[in-house]
Amino acid sequence: GTNGNRGQAVYGGSKAAVIGITKSLAKEL
């Protein structure tokens, strides 16, 4: 999710989204 990897666009995208959620919720909460 932080670095990406060949053949893992779906998994990497889902985990990159988790990072975005983490940073946003940290500010909100």
mmCIF file of all heavy atoms, coordinates in Angstrom:
data_MODEL
# 
_entry.id   MODEL 
# 
loop_
_atom_site.group_PDB 
_atom_site.id 
_atom_site.type_symbol 
_atom_site.label_atom_id 
_atom_site.label_alt_id 
_atom_site.label_comp_id 
_atom_site.label_asym_id 
_atom_site.label_entity_id 
_atom_site.label_seq_id 
_atom_site.pdbx_PDB_ins_code 
_atom_site.Cartn_x 
_atom_site.Cartn_y 
_atom_site.Cartn_z 
_atom_site.occupancy 
_atom_site.B_iso_or_equiv 
_atom_site.pdbx_formal_charge 
_atom_site.auth_seq_id 
_atom_site.auth_comp_id 
_atom_site.auth_asym_id 
_atom_site.auth_atom_id 
_atom_site.pdbx_PDB_model_num 
ATOM 1   N N   . GLY A 1 1  ? 0.801   -1.214 0.000   1.00 0.00 ? 1  GLY A N   1 
ATOM 2   C CA  . GLY A 1 1  ? 0.000   0.000  0.000   1.00 0.00 ? 1  GLY A CA  1 
ATOM 3   C C   . GLY A 1 1  ? 0.834   1.264  0.000   1.00 0.00 ? 1  GLY A C   1 
ATOM 4   O O   . GLY A 1 1  ? 0.394   2.315  -0.488  1.00 0.00 ? 1  GLY A O   1 
ATOM 5   N N   . THR A 1 2  ? 2.041   1.191  0.551   1.00 0.00 ? 2  THR A N   1 
ATOM 6   C CA  . THR A 1 2  ? 2.918   2.367  0.591   1.00 0.00 ? 2  THR A CA  1 
ATOM 7   C C   . THR A 1 2  ? 3.833   2.444  -0.631  1.00 0.00 ? 2  THR A C   1 
ATOM 8   O O   . THR A 1 2  ? 4.186   3.535  -1.077  1.00 0.00 ? 2  THR A O   1 
ATOM 9   C CB  . THR A 1 2  ? 3.794   2.369  1.861   1.00 0.00 ? 2  THR A CB  1 
ATOM 10  O OG1 . THR A 1 2  ? 4.588   1.158  1.894   1.00 0.00 ? 2  THR A OG1 1 
ATOM 11  C CG2 . THR A 1 2  ? 2.937   2.434  3.112   1.00 0.00 ? 2  THR A CG2 1 
ATOM 12  N N   . ASN A 1 3  ? 4.228   1.295  -1.176  1.00 0.00 ? 3  ASN A N   1 
ATOM 13  C CA  . ASN A 1 3  ? 5.214   1.269  -2.250  1.00 0.00 ? 3  ASN A CA  1 
ATOM 14  C C   . ASN A 1 3  ? 4.689   0.735  -3.580  1.00 0.00 ? 3  ASN A C   1 
ATOM 15  O O   . ASN A 1 3  ? 5.300   0.977  -4.622  1.00 0.00 ? 3  ASN A O   1 
ATOM 16  C CB  . ASN A 1 3  ? 6.418   0.406  -1.851  1.00 0.00 ? 3  ASN A CB  1 
ATOM 17  C CG  . ASN A 1 3  ? 7.246   1.030  -0.761  1.00 0.00 ? 3  ASN A CG  1 
ATOM 18  O OD1 . ASN A 1 3  ? 6.709   1.592  0.180   1.00 0.00 ? 3  ASN A OD1 1 
ATOM 19  N ND2 . ASN A 1 3  ? 8.557   0.942  -0.860  1.00 0.00 ? 3  ASN A ND2 1 
ATOM 20  N N   . GLY A 1 4  ? 3.589   -0.023 -3.546  1.00 0.00 ? 4  GLY A N   1 
ATOM 21  C CA  . GLY A 1 4  ? 3.101   -0.654 -4.763  1.00 0.00 ? 4  GLY A CA  1 
ATOM 22  C C   . GLY A 1 4  ? 3.934   -1.861 -5.153  1.00 0.00 ? 4  GLY A C   1 
ATOM 23  O O   . GLY A 1 4  ? 5.044   -2.066 -4.642  1.00 0.00 ? 4  GLY A O   1 
ATOM 24  N N   . ASN A 1 5  ? 3.401   -2.685 -6.064  1.00 0.00 ? 5  ASN A N   1 
ATOM 25  C CA  . ASN A 1 5  ? 4.136   -3.863 -6.523  1.00 0.00 ? 5  ASN A CA  1 
ATOM 26  C C   . ASN A 1 5  ? 3.501   -4.393 -7.800  1.00 0.00 ? 5  ASN A C   1 
ATOM 27  O O   . ASN A 1 5  ? 2.285   -4.328 -7.972  1.00 0.00 ? 5  ASN A O   1 
ATOM 28  C CB  . ASN A 1 5  ? 4.145   -4.960 -5.458  1.00 0.00 ? 5  ASN A CB  1 
ATOM 29  C CG  . ASN A 1 5  ? 5.209   -6.006 -5.718  1.00 0.00 ? 5  ASN A CG  1 
ATOM 30  O OD1 . ASN A 1 5  ? 6.276   -5.706 -6.250  1.00 0.00 ? 5  ASN A OD1 1 
ATOM 31  N ND2 . ASN A 1 5  ? 4.934   -7.228 -5.332  1.00 0.00 ? 5  ASN A ND2 1 
ATOM 32  N N   . ARG A 1 6  ? 4.304   -4.899 -8.669  1.00 0.00 ? 6  ARG A N   1 
ATOM 33  C CA  . ARG A 1 6  ? 3.818   -5.470 -9.929  1.00 0.00 ? 6  ARG A CA  1 
ATOM 34  C C   . ARG A 1 6  ? 2.789   -6.570 -9.651  1.00 0.00 ? 6  ARG A C   1 
ATOM 35  O O   . ARG A 1 6  ? 3.005   -7.434 -8.824  1.00 0.00 ? 6  ARG A O   1 
ATOM 36  C CB  . ARG A 1 6  ? 4.997   -6.039 -10.714 1.00 0.00 ? 6  ARG A CB  1 
ATOM 37  C CG  . ARG A 1 6  ? 4.616   -6.738 -12.019 1.00 0.00 ? 6  ARG A CG  1 
ATOM 38  C CD  . ARG A 1 6  ? 5.850   -7.301 -12.689 1.00 0.00 ? 6  ARG A CD  1 
ATOM 39  N NE  . ARG A 1 6  ? 5.518   -8.009 -13.926 1.00 0.00 ? 6  ARG A NE  1 
ATOM 40  C CZ  . ARG A 1 6  ? 5.142   -9.279 -13.981 1.00 0.00 ? 6  ARG A CZ  1 
ATOM 41  N NH1 . ARG A 1 6  ? 5.035   -9.986 -12.856 1.00 0.00 ? 6  ARG A NH1 1 
ATOM 42  N NH2 . ARG A 1 6  ? 4.850   -9.847 -15.134 1.00 0.00 ? 6  ARG A NH2 1 
ATOM 43  N N   . GLY A 1 7  ? 1.684   -6.534 -10.362 1.00 0.00 ? 7  GLY A N   1 
ATOM 44  C CA  . GLY A 1 7  ? 0.674   -7.575 -10.228 1.00 0.00 ? 7  GLY A CA  1 
ATOM 45  C C   . GLY A 1 7  ? -0.205  -7.436 -9.003  1.00 0.00 ? 7  GLY A C   1 
ATOM 46  O O   . GLY A 1 7  ? -1.002  -8.329 -8.704  1.00 0.00 ? 7  GLY A O   1 
ATOM 47  N N   . GLN A 1 8  ? -0.076  -6.320 -8.276  1.00 0.00 ? 8  GLN A N   1 
ATOM 48  C CA  . GLN A 1 8  ? -0.855  -6.156 -7.050  1.00 0.00 ? 8  GLN A CA  1 
ATOM 49  C C   . GLN A 1 8  ? -1.565  -4.803 -7.005  1.00 0.00 ? 8  GLN A C   1 
ATOM 50  O O   . GLN A 1 8  ? -1.667  -4.178 -5.960  1.00 0.00 ? 8  GLN A O   1 
ATOM 51  C CB  . GLN A 1 8  ? 0.039   -6.344 -5.824  1.00 0.00 ? 8  GLN A CB  1 
ATOM 52  C CG  . GLN A 1 8  ? 0.554   -7.767 -5.673  1.00 0.00 ? 8  GLN A CG  1 
ATOM 53  C CD  . GLN A 1 8  ? 1.219   -8.003 -4.334  1.00 0.00 ? 8  GLN A CD  1 
ATOM 54  O OE1 . GLN A 1 8  ? 2.325   -7.550 -4.089  1.00 0.00 ? 8  GLN A OE1 1 
ATOM 55  N NE2 . GLN A 1 8  ? 0.529   -8.722 -3.464  1.00 0.00 ? 8  GLN A NE2 1 
ATOM 56  N N   . ALA A 1 9  ? -2.066  -4.377 -8.148  1.00 0.00 ? 9  ALA A N   1 
ATOM 57  C CA  . ALA A 1 9  ? -2.764  -3.089 -8.204  1.00 0.00 ? 9  ALA A CA  1 
ATOM 58  C C   . ALA A 1 9  ? -4.008  -3.087 -7.332  1.00 0.00 ? 9  ALA A C   1 
ATOM 59  O O   . ALA A 1 9  ? -4.313  -2.087 -6.671  1.00 0.00 ? 9  ALA A O   1 
ATOM 60  C CB  . ALA A 1 9  ? -3.140  -2.758 -9.655  1.00 0.00 ? 9  ALA A CB  1 
ATOM 61  N N   . VAL A 1 10 ? -4.728  -4.203 -7.310  1.00 0.00 ? 10 VAL A N   1 
ATOM 62  C CA  . VAL A 1 10 ? -5.968  -4.265 -6.537  1.00 0.00 ? 10 VAL A CA  1 
ATOM 63  C C   . VAL A 1 10 ? -5.659  -4.282 -5.040  1.00 0.00 ? 10 VAL A C   1 
ATOM 64  O O   . VAL A 1 10 ? -6.181  -3.459 -4.271  1.00 0.00 ? 10 VAL A O   1 
ATOM 65  C CB  . VAL A 1 10 ? -6.804  -5.496 -6.930  1.00 0.00 ? 10 VAL A CB  1 
ATOM 66  C CG1 . VAL A 1 10 ? -8.056  -5.588 -6.063  1.00 0.00 ? 10 VAL A CG1 1 
ATOM 67  C CG2 . VAL A 1 10 ? -7.187  -5.429 -8.398  1.00 0.00 ? 10 VAL A CG2 1 
ATOM 68  N N   . TYR A 1 11 ? -4.815  -5.199 -4.620  1.00 0.00 ? 11 TYR A N   1 
ATOM 69  C CA  . TYR A 1 11 ? -4.446  -5.287 -3.201  1.00 0.00 ? 11 TYR A CA  1 
ATOM 70  C C   . TYR A 1 11 ? -3.760  -3.998 -2.745  1.00 0.00 ? 11 TYR A C   1 
ATOM 71  O O   . TYR A 1 11 ? -4.091  -3.440 -1.693  1.00 0.00 ? 11 TYR A O   1 
ATOM 72  C CB  . TYR A 1 11 ? -3.528  -6.478 -2.980  1.00 0.00 ? 11 TYR A CB  1 
ATOM 73  C CG  . TYR A 1 11 ? -3.084  -6.669 -1.549  1.00 0.00 ? 11 TYR A CG  1 
ATOM 74  C CD1 . TYR A 1 11 ? -3.956  -7.183 -0.590  1.00 0.00 ? 11 TYR A CD1 1 
ATOM 75  C CD2 . TYR A 1 11 ? -1.788  -6.332 -1.152  1.00 0.00 ? 11 TYR A CD2 1 
ATOM 76  C CE1 . TYR A 1 11 ? -3.545  -7.353 0.724   1.00 0.00 ? 11 TYR A CE1 1 
ATOM 77  C CE2 . TYR A 1 11 ? -1.377  -6.501 0.162   1.00 0.00 ? 11 TYR A CE2 1 
ATOM 78  C CZ  . TYR A 1 11 ? -2.258  -7.010 1.092   1.00 0.00 ? 11 TYR A CZ  1 
ATOM 79  O OH  . TYR A 1 11 ? -1.848  -7.169 2.401   1.00 0.00 ? 11 TYR A OH  1 
ATOM 80  N N   . GLY A 1 12 ? -2.805  -3.523 -3.539  1.00 0.00 ? 12 GLY A N   1 
ATOM 81  C CA  . GLY A 1 12 ? -2.092  -2.291 -3.183  1.00 0.00 ? 12 GLY A CA  1 
ATOM 82  C C   . GLY A 1 12 ? -3.031  -1.108 -3.091  1.00 0.00 ? 12 GLY A C   1 
ATOM 83  O O   . GLY A 1 12 ? -2.910  -0.266 -2.206  1.00 0.00 ? 12 GLY A O   1 
ATOM 84  N N   . GLY A 1 13 ? -3.989  -1.050 -4.014  1.00 0.00 ? 13 GLY A N   1 
ATOM 85  C CA  . GLY A 1 13 ? -4.959  0.036  -3.972  1.00 0.00 ? 13 GLY A CA  1 
ATOM 86  C C   . GLY A 1 13 ? -5.817  -0.012 -2.733  1.00 0.00 ? 13 GLY A C   1 
ATOM 87  O O   . GLY A 1 13 ? -6.100  1.026  -2.108  1.00 0.00 ? 13 GLY A O   1 
ATOM 88  N N   . SER A 1 14 ? -6.234  -1.213 -2.345  1.00 0.00 ? 14 SER A N   1 
ATOM 89  C CA  . SER A 1 14 ? -7.078  -1.350 -1.151  1.00 0.00 ? 14 SER A CA  1 
ATOM 90  C C   . SER A 1 14 ? -6.329  -0.951 0.111   1.00 0.00 ? 14 SER A C   1 
ATOM 91  O O   . SER A 1 14 ? -6.897  -0.344 1.022   1.00 0.00 ? 14 SER A O   1 
ATOM 92  C CB  . SER A 1 14 ? -7.598  -2.788 -1.026  1.00 0.00 ? 14 SER A CB  1 
ATOM 93  O OG  . SER A 1 14 ? -6.572  -3.700 -0.666  1.00 0.00 ? 14 SER A OG  1 
ATOM 94  N N   . LYS A 1 15 ? -5.038  -1.281 0.161   1.00 0.00 ? 15 LYS A N   1 
ATOM 95  C CA  . LYS A 1 15 ? -4.245  -0.953 1.345   1.00 0.00 ? 15 LYS A CA  1 
ATOM 96  C C   . LYS A 1 15 ? -3.807  0.510  1.341   1.00 0.00 ? 15 LYS A C   1 
ATOM 97  O O   . LYS A 1 15 ? -3.660  1.126  2.400   1.00 0.00 ? 15 LYS A O   1 
ATOM 98  C CB  . LYS A 1 15 ? -3.033  -1.887 1.446   1.00 0.00 ? 15 LYS A CB  1 
ATOM 99  C CG  . LYS A 1 15 ? -3.395  -3.318 1.805   1.00 0.00 ? 15 LYS A CG  1 
ATOM 100 C CD  . LYS A 1 15 ? -4.062  -3.407 3.161   1.00 0.00 ? 15 LYS A CD  1 
ATOM 101 C CE  . LYS A 1 15 ? -4.280  -4.829 3.605   1.00 0.00 ? 15 LYS A CE  1 
ATOM 102 N NZ  . LYS A 1 15 ? -4.892  -4.927 4.969   1.00 0.00 ? 15 LYS A NZ  1 
ATOM 103 N N   . ALA A 1 16 ? -3.604  1.095  0.155   1.00 0.00 ? 16 ALA A N   1 
ATOM 104 C CA  . ALA A 1 16 ? -3.324  2.529  0.077   1.00 0.00 ? 16 ALA A CA  1 
ATOM 105 C C   . ALA A 1 16 ? -4.535  3.317  0.567   1.00 0.00 ? 16 ALA A C   1 
ATOM 106 O O   . ALA A 1 16 ? -4.396  4.349  1.231   1.00 0.00 ? 16 ALA A O   1 
ATOM 107 C CB  . ALA A 1 16 ? -2.980  2.921  -1.355  1.00 0.00 ? 16 ALA A CB  1 
ATOM 108 N N   . ALA A 1 17 ? -5.724  2.803  0.260   1.00 0.00 ? 17 ALA A N   1 
ATOM 109 C CA  . ALA A 1 17 ? -6.949  3.445  0.739   1.00 0.00 ? 17 ALA A CA  1 
ATOM 110 C C   . ALA A 1 17 ? -7.024  3.391  2.255   1.00 0.00 ? 17 ALA A C   1 
ATOM 111 O O   . ALA A 1 17 ? -7.483  4.345  2.903   1.00 0.00 ? 17 ALA A O   1 
ATOM 112 C CB  . ALA A 1 17 ? -8.172  2.772  0.123   1.00 0.00 ? 17 ALA A CB  1 
ATOM 113 N N   . VAL A 1 18 ? -6.578  2.296  2.846   1.00 0.00 ? 18 VAL A N   1 
ATOM 114 C CA  . VAL A 1 18 ? -6.559  2.183  4.308   1.00 0.00 ? 18 VAL A CA  1 
ATOM 115 C C   . VAL A 1 18 ? -5.666  3.266  4.911   1.00 0.00 ? 18 VAL A C   1 
ATOM 116 O O   . VAL A 1 18 ? -5.992  3.844  5.958   1.00 0.00 ? 18 VAL A O   1 
ATOM 117 C CB  . VAL A 1 18 ? -6.071  0.779  4.739   1.00 0.00 ? 18 VAL A CB  1 
ATOM 118 C CG1 . VAL A 1 18 ? -5.790  0.734  6.243   1.00 0.00 ? 18 VAL A CG1 1 
ATOM 119 C CG2 . VAL A 1 18 ? -7.109  -0.274 4.367   1.00 0.00 ? 18 VAL A CG2 1 
ATOM 120 N N   . ILE A 1 19 ? -4.564  3.551  4.249   1.00 0.00 ? 19 ILE A N   1 
ATOM 121 C CA  . ILE A 1 19 ? -3.675  4.606  4.736   1.00 0.00 ? 19 ILE A CA  1 
ATOM 122 C C   . ILE A 1 19 ? -4.350  5.963  4.656   1.00 0.00 ? 19 ILE A C   1 
ATOM 123 O O   . ILE A 1 19 ? -4.270  6.783  5.584   1.00 0.00 ? 19 ILE A O   1 
ATOM 124 C CB  . ILE A 1 19 ? -2.359  4.594  3.937   1.00 0.00 ? 19 ILE A CB  1 
ATOM 125 C CG1 . ILE A 1 19 ? -1.571  3.319  4.260   1.00 0.00 ? 19 ILE A CG1 1 
ATOM 126 C CG2 . ILE A 1 19 ? -1.521  5.842  4.235   1.00 0.00 ? 19 ILE A CG2 1 
ATOM 127 C CD1 . ILE A 1 19 ? -0.365  3.088  3.375   1.00 0.00 ? 19 ILE A CD1 1 
ATOM 128 N N   . GLY A 1 20 ? -5.063  6.222  3.574   1.00 0.00 ? 20 GLY A N   1 
ATOM 129 C CA  . GLY A 1 20 ? -5.795  7.480  3.446   1.00 0.00 ? 20 GLY A CA  1 
ATOM 130 C C   . GLY A 1 20 ? -6.880  7.612  4.501   1.00 0.00 ? 20 GLY A C   1 
ATOM 131 O O   . GLY A 1 20 ? -7.087  8.700  5.077   1.00 0.00 ? 20 GLY A O   1 
ATOM 132 N N   . ILE A 1 21 ? -7.561  6.508  4.778   1.00 0.00 ? 21 ILE A N   1 
ATOM 133 C CA  . ILE A 1 21 ? -8.586  6.489  5.825   1.00 0.00 ? 21 ILE A CA  1 
ATOM 134 C C   . ILE A 1 21 ? -7.944  6.778  7.179   1.00 0.00 ? 21 ILE A C   1 
ATOM 135 O O   . ILE A 1 21 ? -8.471  7.558  7.987   1.00 0.00 ? 21 ILE A O   1 
ATOM 136 C CB  . ILE A 1 21 ? -9.304  5.123  5.853   1.00 0.00 ? 21 ILE A CB  1 
ATOM 137 C CG1 . ILE A 1 21 ? -10.161 4.947  4.592   1.00 0.00 ? 21 ILE A CG1 1 
ATOM 138 C CG2 . ILE A 1 21 ? -10.171 4.984  7.105   1.00 0.00 ? 21 ILE A CG2 1 
ATOM 139 C CD1 . ILE A 1 21 ? -10.664 3.532  4.388   1.00 0.00 ? 21 ILE A CD1 1 
ATOM 140 N N   . THR A 1 22 ? -6.810  6.157  7.428   1.00 0.00 ? 22 THR A N   1 
ATOM 141 C CA  . THR A 1 22 ? -6.099  6.344  8.697   1.00 0.00 ? 22 THR A CA  1 
ATOM 142 C C   . THR A 1 22 ? -5.762  7.806  8.936   1.00 0.00 ? 22 THR A C   1 
ATOM 143 O O   . THR A 1 22 ? -6.038  8.371  10.007  1.00 0.00 ? 22 THR A O   1 
ATOM 144 C CB  . THR A 1 22 ? -4.802  5.510  8.707   1.00 0.00 ? 22 THR A CB  1 
ATOM 145 O OG1 . THR A 1 22 ? -5.127  4.122  8.589   1.00 0.00 ? 22 THR A OG1 1 
ATOM 146 C CG2 . THR A 1 22 ? -4.004  5.749  9.983   1.00 0.00 ? 22 THR A CG2 1 
ATOM 147 N N   . LYS A 1 23 ? -5.175  8.449  7.953   1.00 0.00 ? 23 LYS A N   1 
ATOM 148 C CA  . LYS A 1 23 ? -4.761  9.841  8.105   1.00 0.00 ? 23 LYS A CA  1 
ATOM 149 C C   . LYS A 1 23 ? -5.955  10.785 8.240   1.00 0.00 ? 23 LYS A C   1 
ATOM 150 O O   . LYS A 1 23 ? -5.913  11.754 9.007   1.00 0.00 ? 23 LYS A O   1 
ATOM 151 C CB  . LYS A 1 23 ? -3.891  10.239 6.908   1.00 0.00 ? 23 LYS A CB  1 
ATOM 152 C CG  . LYS A 1 23 ? -2.517  9.560  6.913   1.00 0.00 ? 23 LYS A CG  1 
ATOM 153 C CD  . LYS A 1 23 ? -1.680  9.978  5.727   1.00 0.00 ? 23 LYS A CD  1 
ATOM 154 C CE  . LYS A 1 23 ? -0.284  9.375  5.795   1.00 0.00 ? 23 LYS A CE  1 
ATOM 155 N NZ  . LYS A 1 23 ? 0.519   9.897  6.909   1.00 0.00 ? 23 LYS A NZ  1 
ATOM 156 N N   . SER A 1 24 ? -7.018  10.488 7.512   1.00 0.00 ? 24 SER A N   1 
ATOM 157 C CA  . SER A 1 24 ? -8.208  11.330 7.596   1.00 0.00 ? 24 SER A CA  1 
ATOM 158 C C   . SER A 1 24 ? -8.912  11.179 8.944   1.00 0.00 ? 24 SER A C   1 
ATOM 159 O O   . SER A 1 24 ? -9.311  12.171 9.569   1.00 0.00 ? 24 SER A O   1 
ATOM 160 C CB  . SER A 1 24 ? -9.170  10.987 6.456   1.00 0.00 ? 24 SER A CB  1 
ATOM 161 O OG  . SER A 1 24 ? -8.595  11.292 5.199   1.00 0.00 ? 24 SER A OG  1 
ATOM 162 N N   . LEU A 1 25 ? -9.074  9.935  9.401   1.00 0.00 ? 25 LEU A N   1 
ATOM 163 C CA  . LEU A 1 25 ? -9.723  9.712  10.696  1.00 0.00 ? 25 LEU A CA  1 
ATOM 164 C C   . LEU A 1 25 ? -8.898  10.272 11.835  1.00 0.00 ? 25 LEU A C   1 
ATOM 165 O O   . LEU A 1 25 ? -9.447  10.750 12.834  1.00 0.00 ? 25 LEU A O   1 
ATOM 166 C CB  . LEU A 1 25 ? -9.977  8.224  10.917  1.00 0.00 ? 25 LEU A CB  1 
ATOM 167 C CG  . LEU A 1 25 ? -11.094 7.572  10.100  1.00 0.00 ? 25 LEU A CG  1 
ATOM 168 C CD1 . LEU A 1 25 ? -11.228 6.099  10.470  1.00 0.00 ? 25 LEU A CD1 1 
ATOM 169 C CD2 . LEU A 1 25 ? -12.418 8.284  10.315  1.00 0.00 ? 25 LEU A CD2 1 
ATOM 170 N N   . ALA A 1 26 ? -7.573  10.217 11.704  1.00 0.00 ? 26 ALA A N   1 
ATOM 171 C CA  . ALA A 1 26 ? -6.709  10.769 12.756  1.00 0.00 ? 26 ALA A CA  1 
ATOM 172 C C   . ALA A 1 26 ? -7.006  12.248 12.952  1.00 0.00 ? 26 ALA A C   1 
ATOM 173 O O   . ALA A 1 26 ? -7.076  12.744 14.086  1.00 0.00 ? 26 ALA A O   1 
ATOM 174 C CB  . ALA A 1 26 ? -5.246  10.561 12.396  1.00 0.00 ? 26 ALA A CB  1 
ATOM 175 N N   . LYS A 1 27 ? -7.191  12.971 11.865  1.00 0.00 ? 27 LYS A N   1 
ATOM 176 C CA  . LYS A 1 27 ? -7.498  14.400 11.950  1.00 0.00 ? 27 LYS A CA  1 
ATOM 177 C C   . LYS A 1 27 ? -8.906  14.636 12.467  1.00 0.00 ? 27 LYS A C   1 
ATOM 178 O O   . LYS A 1 27 ? -9.159  15.553 13.251  1.00 0.00 ? 27 LYS A O   1 
ATOM 179 C CB  . LYS A 1 27 ? -7.311  15.042 10.578  1.00 0.00 ? 27 LYS A CB  1 
ATOM 180 C CG  . LYS A 1 27 ? -5.864  15.068 10.121  1.00 0.00 ? 27 LYS A CG  1 
ATOM 181 C CD  . LYS A 1 27 ? -5.716  15.700 8.747   1.00 0.00 ? 27 LYS A CD  1 
ATOM 182 C CE  . LYS A 1 27 ? -4.238  15.740 8.345   1.00 0.00 ? 27 LYS A CE  1 
ATOM 183 N NZ  . LYS A 1 27 ? -4.047  16.343 7.003   1.00 0.00 ? 27 LYS A NZ  1 
ATOM 184 N N   . GLU A 1 28 ? -9.840  13.806 12.023  1.00 0.00 ? 28 GLU A N   1 
ATOM 185 C CA  . GLU A 1 28 ? -11.234 13.985 12.422  1.00 0.00 ? 28 GLU A CA  1 
ATOM 186 C C   . GLU A 1 28 ? -11.478 13.654 13.885  1.00 0.00 ? 28 GLU A C   1 
ATOM 187 O O   . GLU A 1 28 ? -12.261 14.336 14.570  1.00 0.00 ? 28 GLU A O   1 
ATOM 188 C CB  . GLU A 1 28 ? -12.124 13.100 11.547  1.00 0.00 ? 28 GLU A CB  1 
ATOM 189 C CG  . GLU A 1 28 ? -13.608 13.167 11.883  1.00 0.00 ? 28 GLU A CG  1 
ATOM 190 C CD  . GLU A 1 28 ? -14.445 12.301 10.959  1.00 0.00 ? 28 GLU A CD  1 
ATOM 191 O OE1 . GLU A 1 28 ? -14.002 12.022 9.823   1.00 0.00 ? 28 GLU A OE1 1 
ATOM 192 O OE2 . GLU A 1 28 ? -15.546 11.904 11.367  1.00 0.00 ? 28 GLU A OE2 1 
ATOM 193 N N   . LEU A 1 29 ? -10.800 12.625 14.386  1.00 0.00 ? 29 LEU A N   1 
ATOM 194 C CA  . LEU A 1 29 ? -11.106 12.112 15.721  1.00 0.00 ? 29 LEU A CA  1 
ATOM 195 C C   . LEU A 1 29 ? -10.170 12.602 16.821  1.00 0.00 ? 29 LEU A C   1 
ATOM 196 O O   . LEU A 1 29 ? -10.410 12.328 17.998  1.00 0.00 ? 29 LEU A O   1 
ATOM 197 C CB  . LEU A 1 29 ? -11.097 10.572 15.695  1.00 0.00 ? 29 LEU A CB  1 
ATOM 198 C CG  . LEU A 1 29 ? -12.116 9.917  14.745  1.00 0.00 ? 29 LEU A CG  1 
ATOM 199 C CD1 . LEU A 1 29 ? -11.929 8.404  14.731  1.00 0.00 ? 29 LEU A CD1 1 
ATOM 200 C CD2 . LEU A 1 29 ? -13.541 10.273 15.149  1.00 0.00 ? 29 LEU A CD2 1 
# 
